[in-house]
C-alpha cells in the first residue's frame, strides 16, 4: 500500500507553547537582544517587522494628535507591551490606556486598561486582520483601528464579541474626522493620518 502525502496540507507537529512568564524569563536570561523585535501571541514568539519611516512618523502623529487631546484622561503608549492573559503580550503600535497616576510603572496594562488600540499596517495587514482581530476581540479590546497604508483607509472595529473572536461592527474611514468612541472630542484628521 502506498501512502500519499499532499504537500498542500500543513503538518502540525506538537510544539511547546510559551507563557508570559517563560517569555519574561527568556528576556531576563539575555536570550533576546535589545534590538530584537518579538512579541508573544497565543504562546508563540512572533518576529515583528522592522519599523520604517512612514510607520514611525505615523506613530508620532498619533501621539501628537491623541495624547494632547486626551491629556489627564488617558495615557498614550507607543509600541509597548500589553498583558493579555497567560500566553499573549503583544506590542501594539499605539494605545490609549485608562489614566493612572503611576502611568503603569507598577504593572503592565491589561485588556481592561485599553481604551483604543491602533496597528499601523504598512506590511502587516494580513497579520493585523487574521491574528490580531481575533486576539483583541477575545480580550474585549473595545476599539481597534488598523491604519491600512496600501488601501489608504482606516478600518475601525468596535463591539467585540469575545466568545466568537471577532468584532460585530467594522467600518472603513477614508476622509473627514475620526474620534475614538470613548473620546468623541478627540478627533483626528484622517487625510493627515493617511498622508
N, C-alpha and C. Protein backbone atom coordinates (compact mmCIF):
# COMPACT_ATOMS: atom_id res chain seq x y z
N UNK A 1 0.85 -1.17 0.00
CA UNK A 1 0.00 0.00 0.00
C UNK A 1 0.90 1.24 0.00
N UNK A 2 0.55 2.17 -0.83
CA UNK A 2 1.34 3.38 -0.97
C UNK A 2 0.67 4.51 -0.19
N UNK A 3 1.49 5.29 0.55
CA UNK A 3 0.98 6.44 1.29
C UNK A 3 1.11 7.68 0.43
N UNK A 4 0.04 8.43 0.32
CA UNK A 4 0.05 9.66 -0.48
C UNK A 4 0.07 10.85 0.47
N UNK A 5 1.05 11.71 0.29
CA UNK A 5 1.16 12.92 1.10
C UNK A 5 0.90 14.11 0.20
N UNK A 6 -0.07 14.88 0.54
CA UNK A 6 -0.37 16.10 -0.20
C UNK A 6 0.42 17.23 0.43
N UNK A 7 1.37 17.80 -0.28
CA UNK A 7 2.22 18.86 0.26
C UNK A 7 1.44 20.12 0.61
N UNK A 8 0.25 20.28 0.05
CA UNK A 8 -0.55 21.47 0.35
C UNK A 8 -1.15 21.41 1.75
N UNK A 9 -1.28 20.21 2.31
CA UNK A 9 -1.84 20.07 3.65
C UNK A 9 -0.75 20.35 4.69
N UNK A 10 -0.95 21.34 5.55
CA UNK A 10 0.07 21.62 6.55
C UNK A 10 0.15 20.48 7.57
N UNK A 11 1.35 20.17 7.99
CA UNK A 11 1.56 19.16 9.02
C UNK A 11 1.95 19.90 10.29
N UNK A 12 1.16 19.71 11.31
CA UNK A 12 1.39 20.41 12.55
C UNK A 12 1.92 19.44 13.59
N UNK A 13 3.20 19.50 13.82
CA UNK A 13 3.81 18.67 14.85
C UNK A 13 3.53 19.30 16.21
N UNK A 14 3.47 18.48 17.25
CA UNK A 14 3.28 19.06 18.58
C UNK A 14 4.42 20.04 18.88
N UNK A 15 4.07 21.15 19.46
CA UNK A 15 5.10 22.12 19.80
C UNK A 15 4.79 22.77 21.14
N UNK A 16 5.82 23.34 21.72
CA UNK A 16 5.74 23.94 23.05
C UNK A 16 5.14 25.32 22.97
N UNK A 17 4.17 25.60 23.81
CA UNK A 17 3.59 26.94 23.91
C UNK A 17 4.22 27.65 25.10
N UNK A 18 4.70 28.86 24.87
CA UNK A 18 5.31 29.65 25.92
C UNK A 18 4.24 30.40 26.71
N UNK A 19 4.55 30.66 27.97
CA UNK A 19 3.71 31.53 28.78
C UNK A 19 4.39 32.90 28.84
N UNK A 20 3.66 33.88 29.32
CA UNK A 20 4.25 35.20 29.51
C UNK A 20 5.42 35.10 30.50
N UNK A 21 5.27 34.26 31.51
CA UNK A 21 6.38 34.05 32.46
C UNK A 21 7.62 33.52 31.75
N UNK A 22 7.45 32.50 30.88
CA UNK A 22 8.57 31.96 30.11
C UNK A 22 9.23 33.06 29.29
N UNK A 23 8.40 33.84 28.64
CA UNK A 23 8.85 34.93 27.77
C UNK A 23 9.70 35.93 28.57
N UNK A 24 9.25 36.30 29.75
CA UNK A 24 9.99 37.25 30.57
C UNK A 24 11.30 36.64 31.08
N UNK A 25 11.25 35.36 31.45
CA UNK A 25 12.49 34.69 31.89
C UNK A 25 13.50 34.62 30.75
N UNK A 26 13.04 34.38 29.53
CA UNK A 26 13.95 34.36 28.38
C UNK A 26 14.61 35.73 28.20
N UNK A 27 13.83 36.79 28.35
CA UNK A 27 14.40 38.15 28.23
C UNK A 27 15.41 38.41 29.35
N UNK A 28 15.06 38.03 30.58
CA UNK A 28 15.98 38.23 31.71
C UNK A 28 17.27 37.43 31.55
N UNK A 29 17.19 36.28 30.89
CA UNK A 29 18.37 35.43 30.68
C UNK A 29 19.24 35.93 29.52
N UNK A 30 18.78 36.96 28.83
CA UNK A 30 19.57 37.54 27.74
C UNK A 30 19.42 36.83 26.42
N UNK A 31 18.37 36.02 26.28
CA UNK A 31 18.15 35.31 25.02
C UNK A 31 17.81 36.30 23.90
N UNK A 32 17.08 37.34 24.26
CA UNK A 32 16.76 38.39 23.29
C UNK A 32 17.77 39.52 23.43
N UNK A 33 18.14 40.10 22.31
CA UNK A 33 18.99 41.27 22.33
C UNK A 33 18.12 42.52 22.39
N UNK A 34 18.71 43.62 22.75
CA UNK A 34 17.96 44.86 22.91
C UNK A 34 17.20 45.26 21.66
N UNK A 35 17.77 44.97 20.50
CA UNK A 35 17.14 45.37 19.24
C UNK A 35 16.21 44.31 18.66
N UNK A 36 16.08 43.15 19.31
CA UNK A 36 15.17 42.12 18.81
C UNK A 36 13.74 42.61 18.92
N UNK A 37 13.01 42.45 17.83
CA UNK A 37 11.60 42.85 17.82
C UNK A 37 10.74 41.60 17.75
N UNK A 38 10.31 41.15 18.93
CA UNK A 38 9.44 39.97 19.02
C UNK A 38 8.28 40.29 19.95
N UNK A 39 7.18 39.58 19.74
CA UNK A 39 6.05 39.67 20.65
C UNK A 39 5.51 38.27 20.86
N UNK A 40 4.85 38.06 21.98
CA UNK A 40 4.28 36.75 22.31
C UNK A 40 2.80 36.78 21.99
N UNK A 41 2.38 35.91 21.06
CA UNK A 41 0.98 35.83 20.66
C UNK A 41 0.52 34.39 20.80
N UNK A 42 -0.46 34.17 21.67
CA UNK A 42 -1.03 32.83 21.88
C UNK A 42 0.06 31.77 22.11
N UNK A 43 1.08 32.15 22.90
CA UNK A 43 2.13 31.21 23.28
C UNK A 43 3.25 31.05 22.28
N UNK A 44 3.21 31.81 21.19
CA UNK A 44 4.25 31.69 20.17
C UNK A 44 4.98 33.02 20.00
N UNK A 45 6.31 32.93 19.84
CA UNK A 45 7.11 34.11 19.58
C UNK A 45 6.96 34.51 18.12
N UNK A 46 6.58 35.74 17.89
CA UNK A 46 6.38 36.25 16.54
C UNK A 46 7.41 37.34 16.30
N UNK A 47 8.17 37.19 15.23
CA UNK A 47 9.14 38.22 14.87
C UNK A 47 8.39 39.36 14.22
N UNK A 48 8.61 40.56 14.74
CA UNK A 48 7.94 41.74 14.21
C UNK A 48 8.79 42.33 13.09
N UNK A 49 8.12 42.93 12.12
CA UNK A 49 8.85 43.54 11.01
C UNK A 49 9.54 44.82 11.45
N UNK A 50 10.63 45.18 10.79
CA UNK A 50 11.30 46.45 11.12
C UNK A 50 10.36 47.63 10.88
N UNK A 51 10.58 48.67 11.63
CA UNK A 51 9.76 49.88 11.52
C UNK A 51 10.44 50.85 10.58
N UNK A 52 9.71 51.23 9.53
CA UNK A 52 10.23 52.19 8.57
C UNK A 52 9.79 53.61 8.90
N UNK A 53 10.21 54.58 8.08
CA UNK A 53 9.92 55.99 8.38
C UNK A 53 8.43 56.34 8.38
N UNK A 54 7.65 55.81 7.41
CA UNK A 54 6.22 56.13 7.39
C UNK A 54 5.56 55.62 8.66
N UNK A 55 5.88 54.40 9.05
CA UNK A 55 5.32 53.77 10.24
C UNK A 55 5.66 54.57 11.50
N UNK A 56 6.94 54.87 11.69
CA UNK A 56 7.34 55.60 12.91
C UNK A 56 6.78 57.02 12.90
N UNK A 57 6.76 57.65 11.72
CA UNK A 57 6.20 59.00 11.65
C UNK A 57 4.72 59.02 11.96
N UNK A 58 4.00 57.98 11.54
CA UNK A 58 2.57 57.90 11.83
C UNK A 58 2.33 57.66 13.32
N UNK A 59 3.15 56.82 13.94
CA UNK A 59 3.04 56.63 15.40
C UNK A 59 3.26 57.95 16.11
N UNK A 60 4.24 58.74 15.66
CA UNK A 60 4.48 60.06 16.26
C UNK A 60 3.29 60.98 16.06
N UNK A 61 2.67 60.91 14.88
CA UNK A 61 1.50 61.74 14.59
C UNK A 61 0.33 61.38 15.52
N UNK A 62 0.12 60.08 15.73
CA UNK A 62 -0.94 59.65 16.65
C UNK A 62 -0.70 60.19 18.06
N UNK A 63 0.55 60.11 18.51
CA UNK A 63 0.87 60.65 19.83
C UNK A 63 0.56 62.14 19.88
N UNK A 64 1.04 62.85 18.87
CA UNK A 64 0.84 64.30 18.84
C UNK A 64 -0.65 64.65 18.85
N UNK A 65 -1.44 63.94 18.04
CA UNK A 65 -2.86 64.27 17.93
C UNK A 65 -3.67 63.81 19.14
N UNK A 66 -3.49 62.55 19.56
CA UNK A 66 -4.38 61.98 20.57
C UNK A 66 -3.89 62.17 22.01
N UNK A 67 -2.59 62.16 22.23
CA UNK A 67 -2.10 62.34 23.60
C UNK A 67 -2.50 63.74 24.12
N UNK A 68 -2.33 64.72 23.29
CA UNK A 68 -2.68 66.09 23.68
C UNK A 68 -4.17 66.22 23.96
N UNK A 69 -4.99 65.64 23.09
CA UNK A 69 -6.45 65.79 23.20
C UNK A 69 -7.07 64.96 24.33
N UNK A 70 -6.31 64.01 24.86
CA UNK A 70 -6.84 63.18 25.96
C UNK A 70 -6.01 63.38 27.24
N UNK A 71 -5.21 64.42 27.28
CA UNK A 71 -4.33 64.70 28.41
C UNK A 71 -5.11 64.69 29.73
N UNK A 72 -4.61 63.93 30.70
CA UNK A 72 -5.24 63.84 32.01
C UNK A 72 -6.41 62.87 32.07
N UNK A 73 -6.83 62.34 30.92
CA UNK A 73 -7.94 61.38 30.88
C UNK A 73 -7.49 60.01 30.39
N UNK A 74 -6.37 59.97 29.68
CA UNK A 74 -5.84 58.72 29.14
C UNK A 74 -4.32 58.85 29.03
N UNK A 75 -3.68 57.72 28.88
CA UNK A 75 -2.23 57.69 28.69
C UNK A 75 -1.96 57.09 27.31
N UNK A 76 -1.17 57.81 26.52
CA UNK A 76 -0.78 57.32 25.20
C UNK A 76 0.45 56.44 25.35
N UNK A 77 0.41 55.28 24.72
CA UNK A 77 1.51 54.32 24.80
C UNK A 77 1.87 53.88 23.38
N UNK A 78 3.16 53.92 23.06
CA UNK A 78 3.62 53.58 21.72
C UNK A 78 4.55 52.38 21.76
N UNK A 79 4.16 51.32 21.04
CA UNK A 79 4.96 50.11 20.87
C UNK A 79 5.44 49.53 22.20
N UNK A 80 4.54 49.55 23.18
CA UNK A 80 4.81 48.97 24.49
C UNK A 80 3.91 47.76 24.71
N UNK A 81 4.35 46.81 25.54
CA UNK A 81 3.57 45.58 25.71
C UNK A 81 2.28 45.77 26.49
N UNK A 82 1.34 44.88 26.18
CA UNK A 82 0.08 44.78 26.91
C UNK A 82 -0.06 43.32 27.29
N UNK A 83 -0.37 43.07 28.54
CA UNK A 83 -0.52 41.70 29.05
C UNK A 83 -1.94 41.21 28.75
N UNK A 84 -2.05 40.20 27.88
CA UNK A 84 -3.35 39.64 27.53
C UNK A 84 -3.38 38.17 27.92
N UNK A 85 -3.53 37.91 29.19
CA UNK A 85 -3.64 36.53 29.66
C UNK A 85 -2.29 35.84 29.74
N UNK A 86 -2.31 34.54 30.01
CA UNK A 86 -1.06 33.81 30.26
C UNK A 86 -0.20 33.56 29.03
N UNK A 87 -0.75 33.75 27.81
CA UNK A 87 0.02 33.39 26.63
C UNK A 87 0.25 34.49 25.61
N UNK A 88 -0.15 35.72 25.91
CA UNK A 88 0.00 36.79 24.92
C UNK A 88 0.46 38.09 25.55
N UNK A 89 1.44 38.68 24.89
CA UNK A 89 1.92 40.00 25.28
C UNK A 89 2.30 40.77 24.01
N UNK A 90 1.29 41.22 23.25
CA UNK A 90 1.58 41.97 22.03
C UNK A 90 2.16 43.34 22.34
N UNK A 91 2.76 43.93 21.32
CA UNK A 91 3.30 45.28 21.42
C UNK A 91 2.67 46.13 20.33
N UNK A 92 1.44 46.58 20.55
CA UNK A 92 0.73 47.35 19.52
C UNK A 92 1.45 48.66 19.21
N UNK A 93 1.15 49.19 18.04
CA UNK A 93 1.81 50.42 17.61
C UNK A 93 1.41 51.63 18.44
N UNK A 94 0.14 51.71 18.81
CA UNK A 94 -0.35 52.85 19.60
C UNK A 94 -1.54 52.40 20.43
N UNK A 95 -1.59 52.86 21.68
CA UNK A 95 -2.71 52.52 22.56
C UNK A 95 -3.05 53.72 23.42
N UNK A 96 -4.34 53.95 23.61
CA UNK A 96 -4.80 54.86 24.65
C UNK A 96 -5.24 53.99 25.82
N UNK A 97 -4.66 54.27 26.99
CA UNK A 97 -4.92 53.49 28.19
C UNK A 97 -5.67 54.32 29.22
N UNK A 98 -6.39 53.63 30.10
CA UNK A 98 -7.03 54.32 31.23
C UNK A 98 -5.96 55.11 31.98
N UNK A 99 -6.34 56.28 32.43
CA UNK A 99 -5.39 57.12 33.15
C UNK A 99 -5.05 56.51 34.51
N UNK A 100 -3.78 56.46 34.82
CA UNK A 100 -3.29 56.03 36.14
C UNK A 100 -2.19 56.99 36.57
N UNK A 101 -2.21 57.34 37.83
CA UNK A 101 -1.19 58.27 38.32
C UNK A 101 0.22 57.72 38.16
N UNK A 102 0.39 56.42 38.30
CA UNK A 102 1.74 55.84 38.18
C UNK A 102 2.14 55.56 36.73
N UNK A 103 1.24 55.84 35.81
CA UNK A 103 1.49 55.65 34.38
C UNK A 103 2.02 54.25 34.05
N UNK A 104 1.49 53.27 34.76
CA UNK A 104 1.78 51.84 34.54
C UNK A 104 3.23 51.48 34.85
N UNK A 105 3.83 52.18 35.81
CA UNK A 105 5.18 51.81 36.25
C UNK A 105 5.17 50.57 37.13
N UNK A 106 4.04 50.30 37.79
CA UNK A 106 3.97 49.17 38.73
C UNK A 106 3.51 47.86 38.08
N UNK A 107 2.92 47.94 36.89
CA UNK A 107 2.46 46.74 36.19
C UNK A 107 2.18 47.08 34.74
N UNK A 108 2.21 46.04 33.90
CA UNK A 108 1.85 46.25 32.50
C UNK A 108 0.34 46.43 32.38
N UNK A 109 -0.09 47.20 31.40
CA UNK A 109 -1.53 47.31 31.17
C UNK A 109 -2.12 45.97 30.74
N UNK A 110 -3.38 45.77 31.05
CA UNK A 110 -4.12 44.59 30.62
C UNK A 110 -5.27 45.04 29.71
N UNK A 111 -6.03 44.10 29.23
CA UNK A 111 -7.12 44.45 28.32
C UNK A 111 -8.13 45.40 28.96
N UNK A 112 -8.31 45.29 30.28
CA UNK A 112 -9.26 46.18 30.98
C UNK A 112 -8.79 47.64 30.97
N UNK A 113 -7.52 47.86 30.72
CA UNK A 113 -6.95 49.21 30.71
C UNK A 113 -7.01 49.86 29.33
N UNK A 114 -7.22 49.06 28.28
CA UNK A 114 -7.15 49.57 26.91
C UNK A 114 -8.46 50.25 26.52
N UNK A 115 -8.34 51.48 26.04
CA UNK A 115 -9.49 52.24 25.56
C UNK A 115 -9.55 52.27 24.03
N UNK A 116 -8.38 52.34 23.40
CA UNK A 116 -8.24 52.32 21.95
C UNK A 116 -6.90 51.68 21.63
N UNK A 117 -6.91 50.80 20.64
CA UNK A 117 -5.67 50.16 20.21
C UNK A 117 -5.55 50.34 18.70
N UNK A 118 -4.36 50.73 18.24
CA UNK A 118 -4.13 51.00 16.82
C UNK A 118 -2.93 50.21 16.32
N UNK A 119 -3.10 49.54 15.19
CA UNK A 119 -1.98 48.91 14.50
C UNK A 119 -1.79 49.64 13.17
N UNK A 120 -0.55 49.91 12.83
CA UNK A 120 -0.20 50.58 11.58
C UNK A 120 0.24 49.50 10.61
N UNK A 121 -0.54 49.30 9.55
CA UNK A 121 -0.32 48.20 8.63
C UNK A 121 0.31 48.69 7.33
N UNK A 122 1.64 48.79 7.33
CA UNK A 122 2.31 49.08 6.07
C UNK A 122 2.77 47.78 5.41
N UNK A 123 3.12 46.78 6.21
CA UNK A 123 3.50 45.47 5.64
C UNK A 123 2.88 44.31 6.41
N UNK A 124 1.98 44.61 7.35
CA UNK A 124 1.45 43.58 8.25
C UNK A 124 -0.07 43.44 8.18
N UNK A 125 -0.68 43.85 7.10
CA UNK A 125 -2.14 43.91 7.03
C UNK A 125 -2.80 42.55 7.30
N UNK A 126 -2.34 41.50 6.64
CA UNK A 126 -2.94 40.18 6.86
C UNK A 126 -2.78 39.73 8.31
N UNK A 127 -1.63 39.95 8.88
CA UNK A 127 -1.37 39.59 10.28
C UNK A 127 -2.28 40.39 11.23
N UNK A 128 -2.39 41.68 10.97
CA UNK A 128 -3.24 42.53 11.82
C UNK A 128 -4.71 42.15 11.72
N UNK A 129 -5.13 41.63 10.58
CA UNK A 129 -6.52 41.21 10.42
C UNK A 129 -6.74 39.78 10.92
N UNK A 130 -5.90 38.86 10.50
CA UNK A 130 -6.15 37.44 10.76
C UNK A 130 -5.73 36.98 12.15
N UNK A 131 -4.71 37.60 12.71
CA UNK A 131 -4.23 37.19 14.03
C UNK A 131 -4.67 38.18 15.11
N UNK A 132 -4.49 39.46 14.86
CA UNK A 132 -4.76 40.46 15.90
C UNK A 132 -6.25 40.70 16.13
N UNK A 133 -7.08 40.70 15.09
CA UNK A 133 -8.52 40.92 15.31
C UNK A 133 -9.08 39.87 16.27
N UNK A 134 -8.89 38.57 16.03
CA UNK A 134 -9.44 37.59 16.97
C UNK A 134 -8.84 37.72 18.38
N UNK A 135 -7.52 37.99 18.45
CA UNK A 135 -6.88 38.14 19.75
C UNK A 135 -7.49 39.30 20.53
N UNK A 136 -7.59 40.46 19.90
CA UNK A 136 -8.11 41.64 20.59
C UNK A 136 -9.60 41.50 20.91
N UNK A 137 -10.36 40.90 20.02
CA UNK A 137 -11.79 40.69 20.29
C UNK A 137 -11.98 39.73 21.46
N UNK A 138 -11.21 38.63 21.49
CA UNK A 138 -11.33 37.67 22.60
C UNK A 138 -11.02 38.31 23.95
N UNK A 139 -10.18 39.34 23.94
CA UNK A 139 -9.82 40.01 25.18
C UNK A 139 -10.61 41.30 25.40
N UNK A 140 -11.68 41.47 24.64
CA UNK A 140 -12.61 42.60 24.81
C UNK A 140 -11.97 43.97 24.69
N UNK A 141 -11.01 44.11 23.78
CA UNK A 141 -10.47 45.44 23.48
C UNK A 141 -11.62 46.20 22.81
N UNK A 142 -12.08 47.31 23.40
CA UNK A 142 -13.32 47.94 22.93
C UNK A 142 -13.26 48.56 21.54
N UNK A 143 -12.08 49.03 21.14
CA UNK A 143 -11.97 49.68 19.83
C UNK A 143 -10.58 49.42 19.26
N UNK A 144 -10.55 48.99 18.01
CA UNK A 144 -9.32 48.62 17.33
C UNK A 144 -9.31 49.27 15.96
N UNK A 145 -8.26 50.05 15.68
CA UNK A 145 -8.10 50.66 14.37
C UNK A 145 -6.92 49.99 13.67
N UNK A 146 -7.09 49.73 12.38
CA UNK A 146 -5.97 49.34 11.52
C UNK A 146 -5.80 50.48 10.52
N UNK A 147 -4.66 51.13 10.57
CA UNK A 147 -4.36 52.16 9.57
C UNK A 147 -3.72 51.43 8.39
N UNK A 148 -4.49 51.31 7.33
CA UNK A 148 -4.16 50.49 6.17
C UNK A 148 -3.49 51.38 5.11
N UNK A 149 -2.15 51.29 5.04
CA UNK A 149 -1.42 52.14 4.12
C UNK A 149 -1.71 51.82 2.66
N UNK A 150 -1.72 50.54 2.31
CA UNK A 150 -1.85 50.18 0.90
C UNK A 150 -3.20 50.59 0.31
N UNK A 151 -4.27 50.49 1.08
CA UNK A 151 -5.60 50.86 0.59
C UNK A 151 -6.02 52.27 0.99
N UNK A 152 -5.15 52.96 1.71
CA UNK A 152 -5.36 54.37 2.10
C UNK A 152 -6.68 54.58 2.84
N UNK A 153 -6.89 53.77 3.88
CA UNK A 153 -8.06 53.97 4.73
C UNK A 153 -7.77 53.45 6.14
N UNK A 154 -8.68 53.76 7.04
CA UNK A 154 -8.59 53.28 8.42
C UNK A 154 -9.78 52.35 8.65
N UNK A 155 -9.48 51.15 9.12
CA UNK A 155 -10.52 50.19 9.47
C UNK A 155 -10.79 50.34 10.96
N UNK A 156 -12.03 50.57 11.31
CA UNK A 156 -12.43 50.80 12.70
C UNK A 156 -13.30 49.62 13.15
N UNK A 157 -12.82 48.91 14.17
CA UNK A 157 -13.52 47.74 14.70
C UNK A 157 -14.01 48.07 16.11
N UNK A 158 -15.30 47.86 16.35
CA UNK A 158 -15.89 48.08 17.68
C UNK A 158 -16.85 46.94 17.99
N UNK A 159 -17.33 46.91 19.21
CA UNK A 159 -18.28 45.91 19.69
C UNK A 159 -17.67 44.50 19.63
N UNK A 160 -16.65 44.26 20.45
CA UNK A 160 -16.03 42.93 20.43
C UNK A 160 -16.99 41.85 20.92
N UNK A 161 -16.96 40.72 20.24
CA UNK A 161 -17.71 39.54 20.67
C UNK A 161 -16.66 38.50 21.06
N UNK A 162 -16.32 38.50 22.35
CA UNK A 162 -15.17 37.72 22.81
C UNK A 162 -15.34 36.22 22.56
N UNK A 163 -16.53 35.70 22.74
CA UNK A 163 -16.74 34.26 22.55
C UNK A 163 -16.51 33.84 21.10
N UNK A 164 -16.78 34.74 20.17
CA UNK A 164 -16.63 34.43 18.75
C UNK A 164 -15.28 34.89 18.19
N UNK A 165 -14.57 35.72 18.94
CA UNK A 165 -13.28 36.21 18.48
C UNK A 165 -13.35 37.14 17.29
N UNK A 166 -14.40 37.97 17.26
CA UNK A 166 -14.47 38.97 16.20
C UNK A 166 -15.22 40.20 16.71
N UNK A 167 -15.23 41.22 15.88
CA UNK A 167 -15.93 42.46 16.21
C UNK A 167 -17.25 42.50 15.44
N UNK A 168 -18.32 42.91 16.12
CA UNK A 168 -19.63 42.96 15.49
C UNK A 168 -19.76 44.13 14.52
N UNK A 169 -18.96 45.17 14.74
CA UNK A 169 -19.06 46.34 13.88
C UNK A 169 -17.70 46.67 13.28
N UNK A 170 -17.69 46.87 11.98
CA UNK A 170 -16.48 47.28 11.27
C UNK A 170 -16.87 48.30 10.23
N UNK A 171 -16.12 49.40 10.19
CA UNK A 171 -16.36 50.39 9.15
C UNK A 171 -15.03 50.89 8.62
N UNK A 172 -15.06 51.39 7.42
CA UNK A 172 -13.87 51.90 6.76
C UNK A 172 -13.99 53.42 6.63
N UNK A 173 -12.95 54.13 7.04
CA UNK A 173 -12.96 55.59 7.00
C UNK A 173 -11.85 56.05 6.05
N UNK A 174 -12.21 56.91 5.11
CA UNK A 174 -11.23 57.39 4.14
C UNK A 174 -11.00 58.89 4.20
N UNK A 175 -11.89 59.62 4.88
CA UNK A 175 -11.75 61.08 4.94
C UNK A 175 -12.49 61.63 6.14
N UNK A 176 -12.34 62.93 6.35
CA UNK A 176 -13.04 63.60 7.44
C UNK A 176 -12.33 63.44 8.77
N UNK A 177 -13.10 63.53 9.82
CA UNK A 177 -12.59 63.44 11.18
C UNK A 177 -12.95 62.08 11.77
N UNK A 178 -12.06 61.55 12.59
CA UNK A 178 -12.30 60.28 13.26
C UNK A 178 -11.96 60.46 14.73
N UNK A 179 -12.86 60.00 15.59
CA UNK A 179 -12.65 60.10 17.04
C UNK A 179 -12.75 58.73 17.68
N UNK A 180 -11.94 58.47 18.71
CA UNK A 180 -12.15 57.25 19.49
C UNK A 180 -13.54 57.30 20.11
N UNK A 181 -14.22 56.17 20.18
CA UNK A 181 -15.58 56.12 20.71
C UNK A 181 -15.66 56.69 22.12
N UNK A 182 -14.65 56.43 22.95
CA UNK A 182 -14.69 56.90 24.33
C UNK A 182 -14.23 58.35 24.49
N UNK A 183 -13.72 58.96 23.40
CA UNK A 183 -13.27 60.35 23.43
C UNK A 183 -13.77 61.07 22.18
N UNK A 184 -15.09 61.31 22.09
CA UNK A 184 -15.63 61.93 20.88
C UNK A 184 -15.08 63.33 20.62
N UNK A 185 -14.53 63.99 21.64
CA UNK A 185 -13.97 65.32 21.47
C UNK A 185 -12.51 65.29 21.01
N UNK A 186 -11.93 64.11 20.85
CA UNK A 186 -10.52 63.97 20.47
C UNK A 186 -10.41 63.49 19.03
N UNK A 187 -10.88 64.31 18.10
CA UNK A 187 -10.90 63.88 16.70
C UNK A 187 -9.53 64.07 16.05
N UNK A 188 -9.29 63.23 15.05
CA UNK A 188 -8.06 63.32 14.25
C UNK A 188 -8.47 63.46 12.79
N UNK A 189 -7.65 64.12 12.01
CA UNK A 189 -7.90 64.30 10.60
C UNK A 189 -7.41 63.07 9.84
N UNK A 190 -8.33 62.35 9.22
CA UNK A 190 -8.00 61.10 8.54
C UNK A 190 -7.01 61.32 7.40
N UNK A 191 -7.21 62.38 6.62
CA UNK A 191 -6.31 62.67 5.50
C UNK A 191 -4.88 62.88 5.99
N UNK A 192 -4.72 63.54 7.13
CA UNK A 192 -3.38 63.76 7.69
C UNK A 192 -2.75 62.45 8.13
N UNK A 193 -3.56 61.56 8.70
CA UNK A 193 -3.01 60.27 9.12
C UNK A 193 -2.59 59.43 7.92
N UNK A 194 -3.32 59.52 6.84
CA UNK A 194 -3.04 58.69 5.67
C UNK A 194 -2.03 59.30 4.70
N UNK A 195 -1.60 60.54 4.96
CA UNK A 195 -0.67 61.19 4.02
C UNK A 195 0.75 60.72 4.21
